Amino acid sequence: MHRQISPEEKTILEELKSGMASLSDARGQLIPLLQMIQEKLAYLPPEAIEMVADHLDLSASEVFGVATFYNQFRLHPPGKNPVKVCLGTACHVKGGDIILENFERKLGIREGETTADREFSLERVACVGCCALAPVAVVGNTLHGAMAPSKVEGLVLRIQIEKDKQQRERLRNESKP
């Protein structure tokens, strides 16, 4: 799915493109350029892949190949509420894969993707280091141990309710004279 970049991201890409003009176009600059873009945008949109390919006189597929080879690069924007489901040995044995499937179903995205509203992103992780609490999911910075499929909907709903509450408070404060 090709997602639209925001006007803010477009501006950042234009600034980066201007800055790249003064940088070397040697192939060895590929990873540093990708890292620079991801540091600014938190991910690599297709427009960034094309921009780097043009600068280094490479094909977009070569740049994409490098970006997908290294685990450090994201091709989807991170959500405001990143969800990480542990699939290390203890979590896997205790049903971590079922927890991941439930998050996919509830959020309407696959592992490695971000919801269209950029509220949630979903990823699998190898281990979060608290095997005694397996299976585990980390939502934002909060660890949730002894996860059960029935807890997934409640976690997502709690975040959505909190977002709605903050939005109502913000609107209330803006409407005060």
Protein backbone atom coordinates (compact mmCIF):
# COMPACT_ATOMS: atom_id res chain seq x y z
CA MET A 1 0.00 0.00 0.00
CA HIS A 2 1.48 3.35 -1.02
CA ARG A 3 0.64 5.91 1.61
CA GLN A 4 0.68 9.65 1.13
CA ILE A 5 3.40 11.55 2.89
CA SER A 6 2.31 14.52 4.94
CA PRO A 7 3.05 18.11 3.86
CA GLU A 8 5.44 18.30 6.82
CA GLU A 9 7.30 15.21 5.59
CA LYS A 10 7.38 16.62 2.06
CA THR A 11 9.05 19.78 3.38
CA ILE A 12 11.63 17.74 5.29
CA LEU A 13 12.38 15.68 2.17
CA GLU A 14 12.89 18.86 0.13
CA GLU A 15 15.32 20.19 2.76
CA LEU A 16 17.18 16.87 2.77
CA LYS A 17 17.34 16.87 -1.02
CA SER A 18 18.89 20.34 -1.00
CA GLY A 19 21.40 19.23 1.62
CA MET A 20 22.27 16.08 -0.34
CA ALA A 21 23.41 18.17 -3.31
CA SER A 22 26.58 19.03 -1.41
CA LEU A 23 27.23 15.42 -0.34
CA SER A 24 29.25 12.83 -2.17
CA ASP A 25 27.42 10.69 -4.69
CA ALA A 26 29.66 7.68 -3.99
CA ARG A 27 27.86 4.37 -3.53
CA GLY A 28 29.40 4.12 -0.05
CA GLN A 29 27.08 6.94 1.03
CA LEU A 30 23.96 4.80 0.59
CA ILE A 31 23.55 3.63 4.19
CA PRO A 32 24.53 6.99 5.76
CA LEU A 33 21.99 8.76 3.51
CA LEU A 34 19.25 6.31 4.46
CA GLN A 35 20.14 6.72 8.14
CA MET A 36 20.04 10.51 7.81
CA ILE A 37 16.59 10.43 6.23
CA GLN A 38 15.22 7.96 8.76
CA GLU A 39 16.59 10.07 11.61
CA LYS A 40 14.52 13.01 10.33
CA LEU A 41 11.33 11.17 9.28
CA ALA A 42 11.45 8.04 11.50
CA TYR A 43 10.98 5.90 8.36
CA LEU A 44 11.88 5.72 4.66
CA PRO A 45 8.95 6.62 2.40
CA PRO A 46 9.13 5.59 -1.28
CA GLU A 47 9.91 9.23 -2.20
CA ALA A 48 13.06 9.03 -0.05
CA ILE A 49 14.15 5.79 -1.73
CA GLU A 50 13.74 7.48 -5.14
CA MET A 51 15.60 10.59 -3.96
CA VAL A 52 18.60 8.57 -2.74
CA ALA A 53 18.60 6.46 -5.92
CA ASP A 54 18.67 9.59 -8.06
CA HIS A 55 21.46 11.15 -6.00
CA LEU A 56 23.66 8.03 -6.11
CA ASP A 57 22.73 7.12 -9.70
CA LEU A 58 21.36 3.75 -8.56
CA SER A 59 18.08 2.06 -9.30
CA ALA A 60 15.33 2.45 -6.74
CA SER A 61 15.24 -1.34 -6.43
CA GLU A 62 18.92 -1.39 -5.38
CA VAL A 63 18.26 1.20 -2.68
CA PHE A 64 15.10 -0.63 -1.60
CA GLY A 65 17.08 -3.88 -1.44
CA VAL A 66 19.58 -2.36 0.96
CA ALA A 67 16.85 -0.72 3.04
CA THR A 68 14.99 -4.01 3.41
CA PHE A 69 18.14 -6.04 4.10
CA TYR A 70 19.04 -4.09 7.24
CA ASN A 71 16.69 -4.41 10.19
CA GLN A 72 17.40 -0.83 11.31
CA PHE A 73 15.35 0.69 8.49
CA ARG A 74 11.58 1.16 8.60
CA LEU A 75 9.51 1.45 5.43
CA HIS A 76 6.33 2.40 7.29
CA PRO A 77 5.90 5.35 9.62
CA PRO A 78 5.88 4.33 13.26
CA GLY A 79 2.56 4.67 15.05
CA LYS A 80 2.06 6.97 18.02
CA ASN A 81 1.42 3.77 19.95
CA PRO A 82 3.90 1.15 18.79
CA VAL A 83 2.85 -2.40 19.67
CA LYS A 84 5.62 -4.97 20.03
CA VAL A 85 4.64 -8.59 20.52
CA CYS A 86 7.34 -10.85 21.90
CA LEU A 87 7.84 -14.09 20.03
CA GLY A 88 10.90 -15.31 21.93
CA THR A 89 10.88 -18.95 23.04
CA ALA A 90 8.86 -18.53 26.25
CA CYS A 91 6.32 -16.20 24.63
CA HIS A 92 6.05 -18.37 21.53
CA VAL A 93 5.40 -21.48 23.62
CA LYS A 94 2.71 -19.66 25.59
CA GLY A 95 0.85 -18.36 22.52
CA GLY A 96 2.65 -15.17 21.46
CA ASP A 97 1.76 -15.88 17.83
CA ILE A 98 -1.95 -15.89 18.76
CA ILE A 99 -1.51 -12.55 20.54
CA LEU A 100 0.14 -11.13 17.40
CA GLU A 101 -2.72 -12.43 15.22
CA ASN A 102 -5.27 -10.81 17.53
CA PHE A 103 -3.50 -7.45 17.32
CA GLU A 104 -3.41 -7.78 13.52
CA ARG A 105 -7.13 -8.51 13.43
CA LYS A 106 -8.09 -5.76 15.90
CA LEU A 107 -5.90 -3.08 14.29
CA GLY A 108 -6.58 -4.16 10.71
CA ILE A 109 -2.88 -4.27 9.84
CA ARG A 110 -0.20 -6.92 9.43
CA GLU A 111 2.98 -7.17 11.43
CA GLY A 112 5.43 -4.50 10.21
CA GLU A 113 2.65 -2.07 9.23
CA THR A 114 1.08 1.07 10.66
CA THR A 115 -2.61 1.96 10.80
CA ALA A 116 -3.76 4.57 8.27
CA ASP A 117 -4.31 7.14 11.04
CA ARG A 118 -0.76 6.44 12.31
CA GLU A 119 -2.08 5.67 15.78
CA PHE A 120 -0.68 2.12 15.95
CA SER A 121 2.21 0.21 14.44
CA LEU A 122 2.73 -3.48 14.98
CA GLU A 123 5.90 -5.51 15.08
CA ARG A 124 7.19 -8.80 16.36
CA VAL A 125 10.29 -8.79 18.54
CA ALA A 126 12.62 -11.63 19.43
CA CYS A 127 12.68 -11.09 23.20
CA VAL A 128 11.87 -8.33 25.68
CA GLY A 129 13.68 -10.02 28.56
CA CYS A 130 10.85 -10.91 30.93
CA CYS A 131 10.17 -14.53 30.09
CA ALA A 132 8.50 -15.22 33.44
CA LEU A 133 5.63 -12.94 32.34
CA ALA A 134 5.11 -14.71 28.99
CA PRO A 135 3.39 -14.06 26.69
CA VAL A 136 4.28 -10.39 26.60
CA ALA A 137 3.31 -7.34 24.54
CA VAL A 138 4.77 -3.86 24.88
CA VAL A 139 2.40 -1.03 23.97
CA GLY A 140 4.22 2.29 23.88
CA ASN A 141 6.51 2.01 26.89
CA THR A 142 4.19 -0.17 28.95
CA LEU A 143 4.85 -3.87 29.30
CA HIS A 144 1.82 -6.16 29.47
CA GLY A 145 2.57 -9.63 30.80
CA ALA A 146 0.46 -12.76 30.88
CA MET A 147 -1.27 -11.53 27.72
CA ALA A 148 -4.37 -13.35 26.63
CA PRO A 149 -6.20 -12.95 23.34
CA SER A 150 -9.11 -11.40 25.25
CA LYS A 151 -6.84 -8.61 26.59
CA VAL A 152 -5.92 -7.30 23.12
CA GLU A 153 -9.21 -5.53 22.45
CA GLY A 154 -9.18 -3.93 25.90
CA LEU A 155 -5.68 -2.52 25.42
CA VAL A 156 -6.53 -0.99 22.06
CA LEU A 157 -9.83 0.36 23.34
CA ARG A 158 -8.16 1.93 26.39
CA ILE A 159 -5.73 3.83 24.16
CA GLN A 160 -8.52 5.01 21.85
CA ILE A 161 -10.60 6.19 24.83
CA GLU A 162 -7.61 8.08 26.25
CA LYS A 163 -7.01 9.73 22.86
CA ASP A 164 -10.68 10.80 22.65
CA LYS A 165 -10.52 12.17 26.19
CA GLN A 166 -7.40 14.23 25.40
CA GLN A 167 -9.02 15.53 22.22
CA ARG A 168 -12.15 16.63 24.11
CA GLU A 169 -9.99 18.41 26.73
CA ARG A 170 -7.99 20.15 24.01
CA LEU A 171 -11.18 21.32 22.28
CA ARG A 172 -12.63 22.48 25.60
CA ASN A 173 -9.48 24.50 26.34
CA GLU A 174 -9.44 26.02 22.84
CA SER A 175 -13.06 27.15 23.17
CA LYS A 176 -12.47 28.99 26.45
CA PRO A 177 -12.17 32.76 26.04
